[in-house]
Amino acid sequence: MHNTVQKLIDIENKIKSNLEDININNLPKIIAVSKTFKLDKILPLIDHGHIDFGENKIQEAMDKWTDIKKKNTKIQLHMIGKLQTNKVKFAVKLFDYIHSVDSEKLAKKIVDEQEKINKKIKIFIQVNIGKENQKSGIEKDRVNDLVVYCKKINLNVVGLMCIPPVNDDPIVYFREIFLINKKFNFSDLSMGMSSDYLEASENGATYLRIGSSIFGQRF
């Protein structure tokens, strides 16, 4: 068994055991964040049956995934990085989910490009939950306005996404985003990475974005 597959199985078992201990039955899906990693580490996971993968750069994703997705139509590709409007047309063709919508301008561009190819992507609105200047995401008090706008233009928003501040306790932020997400009755919530996926899964995450714990450190 390839080490990436073993690491994924270990993570899945750890999550399952942890959630069983606190009587939570809903297991989140794991997005294997394959950005910067080559196919020799990704293909064993696909052969194992894993379908959710995350990338953050359009050109790299196109190079790696265009042919694979034609052969394996079950694969769900998640755009988890900042998306510039001039790259949206490429993202819409390749990705199934976009986790980083944080403005009306970007939302409108996605709708326009979707209509051209008759495709409907699932969207997460990225919230800057820690009010950090260096991070993307819409401010908490503006989420409602963006949700209303997205509904008006018929963008398929399935949930919110957040990345808590690195040096703070993530649980506070996970609980806060969970309550905001619940207010809108969204079906999904994208939060939790290699360092805090157990805490995220305990607090309502339906998608975890895990990279280094599966693939190893990036260099």
C-alpha atoms as a PDB file:
ATOM      1  CA  MET A   1       0.000   0.000   0.000  1.00  0.00           C
ATOM      2  CA  HIS A   2       1.302   3.441  -0.967  1.00  0.00           C
ATOM      3  CA  ASN A   3       2.149   5.667   2.002  1.00  0.00           C
ATOM      4  CA  THR A   4      -0.320   8.390   0.916  1.00  0.00           C
ATOM      5  CA  VAL A   5      -3.136   5.829   0.986  1.00  0.00           C
ATOM      6  CA  GLN A   6      -2.071   4.575   4.406  1.00  0.00           C
ATOM      7  CA  LYS A   7      -1.929   8.124   5.753  1.00  0.00           C
ATOM      8  CA  LEU A   8      -5.408   8.857   4.405  1.00  0.00           C
ATOM      9  CA  ILE A   9      -6.813   5.691   5.991  1.00  0.00           C
ATOM     10  CA  ASP A  10      -5.147   6.568   9.303  1.00  0.00           C
ATOM     11  CA  ILE A  11      -6.708  10.053   9.225  1.00  0.00           C
ATOM     12  CA  GLU A  12     -10.145   8.652   8.377  1.00  0.00           C
ATOM     13  CA  ASN A  13      -9.918   6.170  11.246  1.00  0.00           C
ATOM     14  CA  LYS A  14      -8.756   8.856  13.662  1.00  0.00           C
ATOM     15  CA  ILE A  15     -11.684  11.104  12.718  1.00  0.00           C
ATOM     16  CA  LYS A  16     -14.192   8.268  12.948  1.00  0.00           C
ATOM     17  CA  SER A  17     -12.931   7.141  16.356  1.00  0.00           C
ATOM     18  CA  ASN A  18     -12.864  10.688  17.682  1.00  0.00           C
ATOM     19  CA  LEU A  19     -16.417  11.439  16.533  1.00  0.00           C
ATOM     20  CA  GLU A  20     -17.753   8.138  17.869  1.00  0.00           C
ATOM     21  CA  ASP A  21     -16.384   9.092  21.295  1.00  0.00           C
ATOM     22  CA  ILE A  22     -18.547  12.227  21.298  1.00  0.00           C
ATOM     23  CA  ASN A  23     -21.577  10.596  19.612  1.00  0.00           C
ATOM     24  CA  ILE A  24     -21.327  12.373  16.262  1.00  0.00           C
ATOM     25  CA  ASN A  25     -22.344  10.155  13.355  1.00  0.00           C
ATOM     26  CA  ASN A  26     -21.774  12.409  10.357  1.00  0.00           C
ATOM     27  CA  LEU A  27     -18.299  11.928   8.903  1.00  0.00           C
ATOM     28  CA  PRO A  28     -16.844  14.861   6.943  1.00  0.00           C
ATOM     29  CA  LYS A  29     -15.370  14.359   3.485  1.00  0.00           C
ATOM     30  CA  ILE A  30     -11.636  14.778   3.102  1.00  0.00           C
ATOM     31  CA  ILE A  31     -10.285  16.966   0.329  1.00  0.00           C
ATOM     32  CA  ALA A  32      -6.761  15.702  -0.348  1.00  0.00           C
ATOM     33  CA  VAL A  33      -4.939  18.974  -1.033  1.00  0.00           C
ATOM     34  CA  SER A  34      -2.599  17.893  -3.804  1.00  0.00           C
ATOM     35  CA  LYS A  35      -1.217  21.325  -4.735  1.00  0.00           C
ATOM     36  CA  THR A  36       2.506  21.182  -5.654  1.00  0.00           C
ATOM     37  CA  PHE A  37       2.523  17.359  -5.535  1.00  0.00           C
ATOM     38  CA  LYS A  38       3.083  15.272  -8.641  1.00  0.00           C
ATOM     39  CA  LEU A  39       0.888  12.482  -9.950  1.00  0.00           C
ATOM     40  CA  ASP A  40       3.030   9.693  -8.471  1.00  0.00           C
ATOM     41  CA  LYS A  41       1.637  10.661  -5.056  1.00  0.00           C
ATOM     42  CA  ILE A  42      -1.896  11.351  -6.278  1.00  0.00           C
ATOM     43  CA  LEU A  43      -2.656   8.345  -8.498  1.00  0.00           C
ATOM     44  CA  PRO A  44      -2.475   5.784  -5.647  1.00  0.00           C
ATOM     45  CA  LEU A  45      -5.231   7.706  -3.865  1.00  0.00           C
ATOM     46  CA  ILE A  46      -7.372   7.686  -7.008  1.00  0.00           C
ATOM     47  CA  ASP A  47      -6.784   3.949  -7.413  1.00  0.00           C
ATOM     48  CA  HIS A  48      -7.820   3.542  -3.770  1.00  0.00           C
ATOM     49  CA  GLY A  49     -11.142   5.214  -4.642  1.00  0.00           C
ATOM     50  CA  HIS A  50     -10.626   8.684  -3.183  1.00  0.00           C
ATOM     51  CA  ILE A  51     -12.439  11.311  -5.254  1.00  0.00           C
ATOM     52  CA  ASP A  52     -12.052  14.741  -3.576  1.00  0.00           C
ATOM     53  CA  PHE A  53      -8.867  16.677  -4.362  1.00  0.00           C
ATOM     54  CA  GLY A  54      -7.877  20.313  -3.862  1.00  0.00           C
ATOM     55  CA  GLU A  55      -5.686  22.666  -5.875  1.00  0.00           C
ATOM     56  CA  ASN A  56      -4.929  26.370  -5.536  1.00  0.00           C
ATOM     57  CA  LYS A  57      -3.333  27.310  -8.860  1.00  0.00           C
ATOM     58  CA  ILE A  58      -5.232  27.154 -12.131  1.00  0.00           C
ATOM     59  CA  GLN A  59      -2.371  26.307 -14.503  1.00  0.00           C
ATOM     60  CA  GLU A  60      -1.007  23.562 -12.276  1.00  0.00           C
ATOM     61  CA  ALA A  61      -4.487  22.096 -11.873  1.00  0.00           C
ATOM     62  CA  MET A  62      -5.102  22.122 -15.633  1.00  0.00           C
ATOM     63  CA  ASP A  63      -1.790  20.392 -16.305  1.00  0.00           C
ATOM     64  CA  LYS A  64      -2.413  17.692 -13.698  1.00  0.00           C
ATOM     65  CA  TRP A  65      -6.131  17.066 -13.833  1.00  0.00           C
ATOM     66  CA  THR A  66      -7.526  17.686 -17.331  1.00  0.00           C
ATOM     67  CA  ASP A  67      -6.763  14.200 -18.648  1.00  0.00           C
ATOM     68  CA  ILE A  68      -7.425  12.423 -15.337  1.00  0.00           C
ATOM     69  CA  LYS A  69     -10.896  13.939 -15.031  1.00  0.00           C
ATOM     70  CA  LYS A  70     -11.783  12.817 -18.539  1.00  0.00           C
ATOM     71  CA  LYS A  71     -10.888   9.244 -17.588  1.00  0.00           C
ATOM     72  CA  ASN A  72     -12.403   9.335 -14.102  1.00  0.00           C
ATOM     73  CA  THR A  73     -15.625  11.331 -14.075  1.00  0.00           C
ATOM     74  CA  LYS A  74     -16.256  10.672 -10.372  1.00  0.00           C
ATOM     75  CA  ILE A  75     -13.389  12.908  -9.288  1.00  0.00           C
ATOM     76  CA  GLN A  76     -14.470  16.126  -7.592  1.00  0.00           C
ATOM     77  CA  LEU A  77     -11.911  18.887  -7.912  1.00  0.00           C
ATOM     78  CA  HIS A  78     -11.939  21.742  -5.397  1.00  0.00           C
ATOM     79  CA  MET A  79     -10.462  25.179  -6.023  1.00  0.00           C
ATOM     80  CA  ILE A  80      -9.238  26.226  -2.574  1.00  0.00           C
ATOM     81  CA  GLY A  81      -6.995  29.184  -3.406  1.00  0.00           C
ATOM     82  CA  LYS A  82      -7.604  32.818  -4.245  1.00  0.00           C
ATOM     83  CA  LEU A  83      -9.271  33.034  -7.647  1.00  0.00           C
ATOM     84  CA  GLN A  84      -8.636  36.006  -9.912  1.00  0.00           C
ATOM     85  CA  THR A  85     -11.470  37.018 -12.217  1.00  0.00           C
ATOM     86  CA  ASN A  86      -9.293  36.626 -15.324  1.00  0.00           C
ATOM     87  CA  LYS A  87      -8.819  32.922 -14.462  1.00  0.00           C
ATOM     88  CA  VAL A  88     -12.480  32.153 -13.773  1.00  0.00           C
ATOM     89  CA  LYS A  89     -13.254  30.784 -17.234  1.00  0.00           C
ATOM     90  CA  PHE A  90     -10.546  28.142 -16.814  1.00  0.00           C
ATOM     91  CA  ALA A  91     -11.623  27.336 -13.249  1.00  0.00           C
ATOM     92  CA  VAL A  92     -15.249  26.853 -14.227  1.00  0.00           C
ATOM     93  CA  LYS A  93     -14.334  24.334 -16.932  1.00  0.00           C
ATOM     94  CA  LEU A  94     -12.153  22.202 -14.658  1.00  0.00           C
ATOM     95  CA  PHE A  95     -13.375  22.497 -11.069  1.00  0.00           C
ATOM     96  CA  ASP A  96     -16.504  21.143  -9.403  1.00  0.00           C
ATOM     97  CA  TYR A  97     -16.260  23.300  -6.272  1.00  0.00           C
ATOM     98  CA  ILE A  98     -14.837  26.757  -5.592  1.00  0.00           C
ATOM     99  CA  HIS A  99     -14.126  27.473  -1.909  1.00  0.00           C
ATOM    100  CA  SER A 100     -12.905  31.057  -2.179  1.00  0.00           C
ATOM    101  CA  VAL A 101     -15.695  33.365  -3.369  1.00  0.00           C
ATOM    102  CA  ASP A 102     -15.494  36.604  -1.401  1.00  0.00           C
ATOM    103  CA  SER A 103     -16.912  39.358  -3.630  1.00  0.00           C
ATOM    104  CA  GLU A 104     -19.864  40.186  -5.850  1.00  0.00           C
ATOM    105  CA  LYS A 105     -17.496  40.752  -8.769  1.00  0.00           C
ATOM    106  CA  LEU A 106     -16.106  37.210  -8.533  1.00  0.00           C
ATOM    107  CA  ALA A 107     -19.549  35.706  -7.979  1.00  0.00           C
ATOM    108  CA  LYS A 108     -20.928  37.427 -11.092  1.00  0.00           C
ATOM    109  CA  LYS A 109     -17.966  36.346 -13.218  1.00  0.00           C
ATOM    110  CA  ILE A 110     -18.485  32.704 -12.191  1.00  0.00           C
ATOM    111  CA  VAL A 111     -22.165  32.874 -13.132  1.00  0.00           C
ATOM    112  CA  ASP A 112     -21.330  34.415 -16.517  1.00  0.00           C
ATOM    113  CA  GLU A 113     -18.755  31.736 -17.331  1.00  0.00           C
ATOM    114  CA  GLN A 114     -20.997  28.912 -16.104  1.00  0.00           C
ATOM    115  CA  GLU A 115     -23.782  29.983 -18.417  1.00  0.00           C
ATOM    116  CA  LYS A 116     -21.448  29.865 -21.415  1.00  0.00           C
ATOM    117  CA  ILE A 117     -20.769  26.141 -20.928  1.00  0.00           C
ATOM    118  CA  ASN A 118     -24.031  25.167 -19.187  1.00  0.00           C
ATOM    119  CA  LYS A 119     -22.341  24.039 -15.963  1.00  0.00           C
ATOM    120  CA  LYS A 120     -23.233  24.703 -12.328  1.00  0.00           C
ATOM    121  CA  ILE A 121     -20.406  24.666  -9.791  1.00  0.00           C
ATOM    122  CA  LYS A 122     -20.881  24.348  -6.049  1.00  0.00           C
ATOM    123  CA  ILE A 123     -19.666  27.428  -4.207  1.00  0.00           C
ATOM    124  CA  PHE A 124     -18.332  28.210  -0.749  1.00  0.00           C
ATOM    125  CA  ILE A 125     -18.151  31.810   0.426  1.00  0.00           C
ATOM    126  CA  GLN A 126     -14.818  32.441   2.145  1.00  0.00           C
ATOM    127  CA  VAL A 127     -15.162  34.356   5.407  1.00  0.00           C
ATOM    128  CA  ASN A 128     -12.237  36.187   6.998  1.00  0.00           C
ATOM    129  CA  ILE A 129     -13.261  34.872  10.400  1.00  0.00           C
ATOM    130  CA  GLY A 130     -10.224  36.258  12.246  1.00  0.00           C
ATOM    131  CA  LYS A 131     -10.279  39.705  10.610  1.00  0.00           C
ATOM    132  CA  GLU A 132      -6.724  39.226   9.326  1.00  0.00           C
ATOM    133  CA  ASN A 133      -5.477  41.779   6.817  1.00  0.00           C
ATOM    134  CA  GLN A 134      -3.237  39.295   5.004  1.00  0.00           C
ATOM    135  CA  LYS A 135      -6.034  36.797   4.357  1.00  0.00           C
ATOM    136  CA  SER A 136      -8.706  36.739   1.697  1.00  0.00           C
ATOM    137  CA  GLY A 137     -12.347  36.411   2.605  1.00  0.00           C
ATOM    138  CA  ILE A 138     -15.320  38.633   3.234  1.00  0.00           C
ATOM    139  CA  GLU A 139     -15.838  40.222   6.633  1.00  0.00           C
ATOM    140  CA  LYS A 140     -18.380  38.551   8.906  1.00  0.00           C
ATOM    141  CA  ASP A 141     -20.779  41.502   8.907  1.00  0.00           C
ATOM    142  CA  ARG A 142     -20.919  41.491   5.093  1.00  0.00           C
ATOM    143  CA  VAL A 143     -21.649  37.782   4.611  1.00  0.00           C
ATOM    144  CA  ASN A 144     -25.406  38.269   4.532  1.00  0.00           C
ATOM    145  CA  ASP A 145     -25.213  40.820   1.710  1.00  0.00           C
ATOM    146  CA  LEU A 146     -23.051  38.497  -0.407  1.00  0.00           C
ATOM    147  CA  VAL A 147     -25.324  35.499   0.230  1.00  0.00           C
ATOM    148  CA  VAL A 148     -28.349  37.546  -0.852  1.00  0.00           C
ATOM    149  CA  TYR A 149     -26.522  38.695  -3.982  1.00  0.00           C
ATOM    150  CA  CYS A 150     -25.442  35.148  -4.881  1.00  0.00           C
ATOM    151  CA  LYS A 151     -29.016  33.914  -4.554  1.00  0.00           C
ATOM    152  CA  LYS A 152     -30.220  36.754  -6.744  1.00  0.00           C
ATOM    153  CA  ILE A 153     -27.845  35.809  -9.567  1.00  0.00           C
ATOM    154  CA  ASN A 154     -28.541  32.088  -9.068  1.00  0.00           C
ATOM    155  CA  LEU A 155     -25.094  31.057  -7.850  1.00  0.00           C
ATOM    156  CA  ASN A 156     -25.191  27.684  -6.115  1.00  0.00           C
ATOM    157  CA  VAL A 157     -23.754  28.494  -2.676  1.00  0.00           C
ATOM    158  CA  VAL A 158     -23.563  25.343  -0.535  1.00  0.00           C
ATOM    159  CA  GLY A 159     -21.758  26.757   2.490  1.00  0.00           C
ATOM    160  CA  LEU A 160     -19.092  28.931   4.074  1.00  0.00           C
ATOM    161  CA  MET A 161     -15.331  28.407   4.264  1.00  0.00           C
ATOM    162  CA  CYS A 162     -12.836  29.757   6.784  1.00  0.00           C
ATOM    163  CA  ILE A 163      -9.192  29.547   7.831  1.00  0.00           C
ATOM    164  CA  PRO A 164      -8.692  30.499  11.500  1.00  0.00           C
ATOM    165  CA  PRO A 165      -5.666  32.559  12.620  1.00  0.00           C
ATOM    166  CA  VAL A 166      -2.624  30.291  12.910  1.00  0.00           C
ATOM    167  CA  ASN A 167      -1.679  31.096  16.501  1.00  0.00           C
ATOM    168  CA  ASP A 168      -5.179  31.160  18.024  1.00  0.00           C
ATOM    169  CA  ASP A 169      -7.388  28.372  19.321  1.00  0.00           C
ATOM    170  CA  PRO A 170      -9.297  27.314  16.177  1.00  0.00           C
ATOM    171  CA  ILE A 171     -12.305  25.985  18.102  1.00  0.00           C
ATOM    172  CA  VAL A 172     -13.580  29.496  18.883  1.00  0.00           C
ATOM    173  CA  TYR A 173     -13.615  30.338  15.188  1.00  0.00           C
ATOM    174  CA  PHE A 174     -15.035  26.974  14.118  1.00  0.00           C
ATOM    175  CA  ARG A 175     -17.966  27.394  16.494  1.00  0.00           C
ATOM    176  CA  GLU A 176     -18.579  30.920  15.272  1.00  0.00           C
ATOM    177  CA  ILE A 177     -18.557  30.017  11.568  1.00  0.00           C
ATOM    178  CA  PHE A 178     -20.777  26.995  12.280  1.00  0.00           C
ATOM    179  CA  LEU A 179     -23.438  29.282  13.773  1.00  0.00           C
ATOM    180  CA  ILE A 180     -23.232  31.713  10.856  1.00  0.00           C
ATOM    181  CA  ASN A 181     -23.461  28.806   8.406  1.00  0.00           C
ATOM    182  CA  LYS A 182     -26.458  27.378  10.260  1.00  0.00           C
ATOM    183  CA  LYS A 183     -28.260  30.719  10.032  1.00  0.00           C
ATOM    184  CA  PHE A 184     -28.333  30.350   6.253  1.00  0.00           C
ATOM    185  CA  ASN A 185     -29.283  26.639   6.373  1.00  0.00           C
ATOM    186  CA  PHE A 186     -26.340  25.739   4.171  1.00  0.00           C
ATOM    187  CA  SER A 187     -25.719  22.033   3.699  1.00  0.00           C
ATOM    188  CA  ASP A 188     -21.910  22.186   3.846  1.00  0.00           C
ATOM    189  CA  LEU A 189     -19.107  23.826   5.798  1.00  0.00           C
ATOM    190  CA  SER A 190     -15.479  23.897   4.630  1.00  0.00           C
ATOM    191  CA  MET A 191     -12.989  24.194   7.482  1.00  0.00           C
ATOM    192  CA  GLY A 192     -10.119  22.301   9.058  1.00  0.00           C
ATOM    193  CA  MET A 193      -6.655  21.505   7.735  1.00  0.00           C
ATOM    194  CA  SER A 194      -3.795  19.200   8.733  1.00  0.00           C
ATOM    195  CA  SER A 195      -3.217  20.960  12.055  1.00  0.00           C
ATOM    196  CA  ASP A 196      -6.842  21.183  13.229  1.00  0.00           C
ATOM    197  CA  TYR A 197      -8.997  18.709  11.307  1.00  0.00           C
ATOM    198  CA  LEU A 198     -10.144  16.863  14.449  1.00  0.00           C
ATOM    199  CA  GLU A 199     -11.389  20.091  16.033  1.00  0.00           C
ATOM    200  CA  ALA A 200     -13.091  21.095  12.775  1.00  0.00           C
ATOM    201  CA  SER A 201     -14.827  17.728  12.433  1.00  0.00           C
ATOM    202  CA  GLU A 202     -16.091  18.023  16.016  1.00  0.00           C
ATOM    203  CA  ASN A 203     -17.623  21.406  15.215  1.00  0.00           C
ATOM    204  CA  GLY A 204     -19.642  20.717  12.096  1.00  0.00           C
ATOM    205  CA  ALA A 205     -17.199  20.644   9.177  1.00  0.00           C
ATOM    206  CA  THR A 206     -18.479  18.651   6.208  1.00  0.00           C
ATOM    207  CA  TYR A 207     -15.309  19.166   4.142  1.00  0.00           C
ATOM    208  CA  LEU A 208     -11.779  19.058   5.555  1.00  0.00           C
ATOM    209  CA  ARG A 209      -8.875  20.376   3.455  1.00  0.00           C
ATOM    210  CA  ILE A 210      -5.923  18.149   4.347  1.00  0.00           C
ATOM    211  CA  GLY A 211      -2.579  18.291   2.516  1.00  0.00           C
ATOM    212  CA  SER A 212       0.661  17.717   4.395  1.00  0.00           C
ATOM    213  CA  SER A 213      -0.758  15.022   6.696  1.00  0.00           C
ATOM    214  CA  ILE A 214      -1.479  12.952   3.580  1.00  0.00           C
ATOM    215  CA  PHE A 215       1.261  13.917   1.138  1.00  0.00           C
ATOM    216  CA  GLY A 216       4.058  15.060   3.432  1.00  0.00           C
ATOM    217  CA  GLN A 217       5.696  18.464   3.751  1.00  0.00           C
ATOM    218  CA  ARG A 218       5.933  20.798   0.776  1.00  0.00           C
ATOM    219  CA  PHE A 219       9.391  22.041  -0.140  1.00  0.00           C
END
